[in-house]
């Protein structure tokens, strides 16, 4: 759906959308990252795609309500990440 929304705005060939796995952020999934700014979004639904395209891709303004906190990206200590069972 992301590619279709980009194409509908005439951005095909100007903006590239690639499918991937969870980008090691599965606990936040579904997620995506927008480069070159490296803005990470988590918990994205199909209903959020148009807003991300319109606000961030076209308008340059990240969608703050979906943005992942820096403290949760690529870290073992994020409160969203399941904790390993402690051993006694």
N, C-alpha and C. Protein backbone atom coordinates (compact mmCIF):
# COMPACT_ATOMS: atom_id res chain seq x y z
N UNK A 1 0.81 -1.19 0.00
CA UNK A 1 0.00 0.00 0.00
C UNK A 1 0.86 1.26 0.00
N UNK A 2 2.01 1.22 0.66
CA UNK A 2 2.89 2.38 0.72
C UNK A 2 3.33 2.79 -0.68
N UNK A 3 3.73 1.81 -1.49
CA UNK A 3 4.17 2.10 -2.86
C UNK A 3 3.04 2.71 -3.68
N UNK A 4 1.82 2.22 -3.47
CA UNK A 4 0.68 2.74 -4.21
C UNK A 4 0.40 4.21 -3.83
N UNK A 5 0.52 4.51 -2.55
CA UNK A 5 0.28 5.89 -2.10
C UNK A 5 1.35 6.84 -2.66
N UNK A 6 2.59 6.37 -2.73
CA UNK A 6 3.65 7.19 -3.31
C UNK A 6 3.40 7.42 -4.80
N UNK A 7 3.04 6.36 -5.51
CA UNK A 7 2.77 6.47 -6.95
C UNK A 7 1.60 7.41 -7.22
N UNK A 8 0.57 7.34 -6.38
CA UNK A 8 -0.61 8.20 -6.56
C UNK A 8 -0.26 9.68 -6.42
N UNK A 9 0.81 9.97 -5.71
CA UNK A 9 1.25 11.36 -5.54
C UNK A 9 2.35 11.74 -6.53
N UNK A 10 2.60 10.87 -7.50
CA UNK A 10 3.60 11.16 -8.52
C UNK A 10 5.03 11.04 -8.03
N UNK A 11 5.24 10.26 -6.98
CA UNK A 11 6.57 10.15 -6.39
C UNK A 11 7.34 8.90 -6.82
N UNK A 12 6.73 8.08 -7.66
CA UNK A 12 7.42 6.88 -8.13
C UNK A 12 8.69 7.32 -8.87
N UNK A 13 9.81 6.70 -8.51
CA UNK A 13 11.08 7.07 -9.10
C UNK A 13 11.81 8.18 -8.35
N UNK A 14 11.09 8.88 -7.47
CA UNK A 14 11.69 9.93 -6.65
C UNK A 14 11.87 9.48 -5.20
N UNK A 15 10.95 8.64 -4.75
CA UNK A 15 10.98 8.09 -3.39
C UNK A 15 10.91 6.58 -3.53
N UNK A 16 11.77 5.90 -2.81
CA UNK A 16 11.81 4.44 -2.91
C UNK A 16 11.28 3.82 -1.63
N UNK A 17 10.40 2.84 -1.77
CA UNK A 17 9.87 2.08 -0.64
C UNK A 17 10.31 0.63 -0.82
N UNK A 18 10.97 0.10 0.19
CA UNK A 18 11.45 -1.28 0.17
C UNK A 18 10.78 -2.07 1.29
N UNK A 19 10.39 -3.27 0.97
CA UNK A 19 9.85 -4.16 1.98
C UNK A 19 11.00 -4.80 2.74
N UNK A 20 10.80 -5.01 4.02
CA UNK A 20 11.83 -5.65 4.84
C UNK A 20 11.17 -6.45 5.95
N UNK A 21 12.01 -7.05 6.76
CA UNK A 21 11.53 -7.69 7.97
C UNK A 21 11.27 -6.62 9.01
N UNK A 22 11.38 -6.97 10.27
CA UNK A 22 11.05 -6.02 11.34
C UNK A 22 12.20 -5.09 11.69
N UNK A 23 13.32 -5.17 10.98
CA UNK A 23 14.45 -4.27 11.20
C UNK A 23 14.98 -4.36 12.64
N UNK A 24 14.86 -5.56 13.22
CA UNK A 24 15.27 -5.83 14.61
C UNK A 24 14.49 -4.99 15.63
N UNK A 25 13.30 -4.58 15.26
CA UNK A 25 12.44 -3.80 16.16
C UNK A 25 11.06 -4.47 16.24
N UNK A 26 11.04 -5.79 16.23
CA UNK A 26 9.78 -6.53 16.14
C UNK A 26 8.77 -6.16 17.23
N UNK A 27 9.24 -5.84 18.43
CA UNK A 27 8.34 -5.51 19.52
C UNK A 27 7.57 -4.21 19.27
N UNK A 28 7.99 -3.42 18.29
CA UNK A 28 7.30 -2.18 17.94
C UNK A 28 6.45 -2.33 16.69
N UNK A 29 6.49 -3.49 16.10
CA UNK A 29 5.95 -3.72 14.77
C UNK A 29 4.50 -3.38 14.58
N UNK A 30 4.04 -3.37 13.38
CA UNK A 30 4.83 -3.13 12.16
C UNK A 30 5.51 -1.75 12.23
N UNK A 31 6.70 -1.71 11.69
CA UNK A 31 7.44 -0.46 11.76
C UNK A 31 8.07 -0.12 10.42
N UNK A 32 8.52 1.13 10.33
CA UNK A 32 9.22 1.58 9.12
C UNK A 32 10.16 2.70 9.50
N UNK A 33 11.11 2.94 8.63
CA UNK A 33 12.08 4.01 8.86
C UNK A 33 12.17 4.85 7.59
N UNK A 34 12.23 6.16 7.76
CA UNK A 34 12.32 7.09 6.63
C UNK A 34 13.72 7.69 6.63
N UNK A 35 14.42 7.48 5.54
CA UNK A 35 15.75 8.05 5.36
C UNK A 35 15.67 9.19 4.35
N UNK A 36 16.53 10.18 4.40
CA UNK A 36 17.81 10.20 5.11
C UNK A 36 17.71 10.67 6.56
N UNK A 37 16.52 11.05 7.04
CA UNK A 37 16.40 11.56 8.40
C UNK A 37 16.52 10.49 9.47
N UNK A 38 16.35 9.22 9.08
CA UNK A 38 16.35 8.08 10.02
C UNK A 38 15.27 8.25 11.08
N UNK A 39 14.07 8.58 10.65
CA UNK A 39 12.92 8.67 11.54
C UNK A 39 12.25 7.31 11.56
N UNK A 40 12.17 6.72 12.75
CA UNK A 40 11.57 5.40 12.94
C UNK A 40 10.13 5.54 13.40
N UNK A 41 9.25 4.75 12.79
CA UNK A 41 7.85 4.70 13.18
C UNK A 41 7.53 3.29 13.65
N UNK A 42 6.74 3.19 14.70
CA UNK A 42 6.33 1.88 15.22
C UNK A 42 4.82 1.79 15.35
N UNK A 43 4.32 0.57 15.33
CA UNK A 43 2.89 0.34 15.47
C UNK A 43 2.09 0.90 14.31
N UNK A 44 2.69 0.92 13.14
CA UNK A 44 2.05 1.51 11.95
C UNK A 44 0.95 0.59 11.42
N UNK A 45 -0.20 1.17 11.11
CA UNK A 45 -1.31 0.43 10.51
C UNK A 45 -1.53 0.95 9.08
N UNK A 46 -2.34 0.23 8.34
CA UNK A 46 -2.67 0.68 6.98
C UNK A 46 -3.32 2.06 7.01
N UNK A 47 -4.07 2.33 8.06
CA UNK A 47 -4.73 3.64 8.18
C UNK A 47 -3.72 4.78 8.39
N UNK A 48 -2.51 4.47 8.82
CA UNK A 48 -1.48 5.48 9.06
C UNK A 48 -0.66 5.84 7.82
N UNK A 49 -0.72 5.00 6.80
CA UNK A 49 0.15 5.17 5.63
C UNK A 49 -0.07 6.51 4.94
N UNK A 50 -1.29 6.88 4.68
CA UNK A 50 -1.58 8.15 4.00
C UNK A 50 -1.04 9.33 4.80
N UNK A 51 -1.19 9.29 6.12
CA UNK A 51 -0.70 10.38 6.97
C UNK A 51 0.83 10.48 6.91
N UNK A 52 1.51 9.35 6.93
CA UNK A 52 2.98 9.36 6.85
C UNK A 52 3.43 9.91 5.51
N UNK A 53 2.79 9.47 4.44
CA UNK A 53 3.16 9.95 3.11
C UNK A 53 2.89 11.45 3.00
N UNK A 54 1.69 11.88 3.38
CA UNK A 54 1.32 13.30 3.24
C UNK A 54 2.15 14.20 4.15
N UNK A 55 2.24 13.84 5.42
CA UNK A 55 2.90 14.71 6.39
C UNK A 55 4.42 14.65 6.29
N UNK A 56 4.98 13.45 6.26
CA UNK A 56 6.44 13.33 6.31
C UNK A 56 7.08 13.31 4.94
N UNK A 57 6.66 12.40 4.08
CA UNK A 57 7.31 12.26 2.78
C UNK A 57 7.10 13.51 1.92
N UNK A 58 5.86 13.99 1.85
CA UNK A 58 5.56 15.16 1.03
C UNK A 58 5.82 16.46 1.79
N UNK A 59 5.34 16.53 3.02
CA UNK A 59 5.39 17.78 3.78
C UNK A 59 6.64 18.00 4.62
N UNK A 60 7.44 16.94 4.81
CA UNK A 60 8.67 17.09 5.59
C UNK A 60 8.47 17.14 7.09
N UNK A 61 7.24 16.87 7.56
CA UNK A 61 6.96 16.91 9.00
C UNK A 61 6.66 15.50 9.50
N UNK A 62 7.56 14.92 10.32
CA UNK A 62 7.31 13.57 10.85
C UNK A 62 6.00 13.50 11.64
N UNK A 63 5.41 12.33 11.66
CA UNK A 63 4.17 12.08 12.39
C UNK A 63 4.57 11.67 13.81
N UNK A 64 4.54 12.62 14.72
CA UNK A 64 5.06 12.42 16.07
C UNK A 64 4.34 11.32 16.85
N UNK A 65 3.05 11.15 16.65
CA UNK A 65 2.31 10.14 17.42
C UNK A 65 2.75 8.72 17.11
N UNK A 66 3.39 8.51 15.96
CA UNK A 66 3.87 7.19 15.57
C UNK A 66 5.37 7.02 15.71
N UNK A 67 6.04 8.10 15.99
CA UNK A 67 7.50 8.09 16.03
C UNK A 67 8.02 7.30 17.23
N UNK A 68 8.99 6.42 16.97
CA UNK A 68 9.62 5.67 18.05
C UNK A 68 10.64 6.56 18.75
N UNK A 69 10.70 6.45 20.06
CA UNK A 69 11.68 7.21 20.83
C UNK A 69 13.08 6.68 20.55
N UNK A 70 14.05 7.57 20.52
CA UNK A 70 15.45 7.18 20.30
C UNK A 70 15.89 6.13 21.30
N UNK A 71 15.41 6.22 22.54
CA UNK A 71 15.81 5.28 23.59
C UNK A 71 15.31 3.86 23.34
N UNK A 72 14.41 3.69 22.37
CA UNK A 72 13.87 2.36 22.07
C UNK A 72 14.46 1.74 20.80
N UNK A 73 15.28 2.47 20.10
CA UNK A 73 15.80 1.97 18.82
C UNK A 73 17.13 1.27 19.04
N UNK A 74 17.18 0.01 18.61
CA UNK A 74 18.41 -0.79 18.67
C UNK A 74 19.03 -0.84 20.06
N UNK A 75 18.20 -1.09 21.05
CA UNK A 75 18.69 -1.21 22.42
C UNK A 75 18.03 -2.41 23.09
N UNK A 76 18.74 -3.01 23.99
CA UNK A 76 18.19 -4.16 24.72
C UNK A 76 17.35 -3.73 25.91
N UNK A 77 17.36 -2.45 26.26
CA UNK A 77 16.71 -2.01 27.48
C UNK A 77 15.38 -1.28 27.29
N UNK A 78 14.84 -1.25 26.11
CA UNK A 78 13.57 -0.56 25.86
C UNK A 78 12.44 -1.25 26.63
N UNK A 79 11.53 -0.44 27.17
CA UNK A 79 10.41 -1.01 27.93
C UNK A 79 9.47 -1.84 27.06
N UNK A 80 9.55 -1.70 25.76
CA UNK A 80 8.71 -2.48 24.86
C UNK A 80 9.29 -3.86 24.56
N UNK A 81 10.57 -4.04 24.83
CA UNK A 81 11.24 -5.29 24.53
C UNK A 81 11.01 -6.27 25.67
N UNK A 82 10.56 -7.48 25.34
CA UNK A 82 10.37 -8.48 26.41
C UNK A 82 11.68 -8.72 27.14
N UNK A 83 11.62 -8.76 28.44
CA UNK A 83 12.80 -8.98 29.26
C UNK A 83 13.10 -10.47 29.34
N UNK A 84 14.36 -10.80 29.32
CA UNK A 84 14.76 -12.20 29.48
C UNK A 84 14.41 -12.64 30.88
N UNK A 85 13.99 -13.88 31.02
CA UNK A 85 13.66 -14.41 32.34
C UNK A 85 14.90 -14.43 33.20
N UNK A 86 14.74 -13.96 34.41
CA UNK A 86 15.90 -13.95 35.31
C UNK A 86 16.17 -15.36 35.82
N UNK A 87 17.42 -15.62 36.05
CA UNK A 87 17.81 -16.93 36.55
C UNK A 87 18.12 -16.84 38.03
N UNK A 88 17.77 -17.86 38.76
CA UNK A 88 18.02 -17.87 40.22
C UNK A 88 18.96 -18.98 40.55
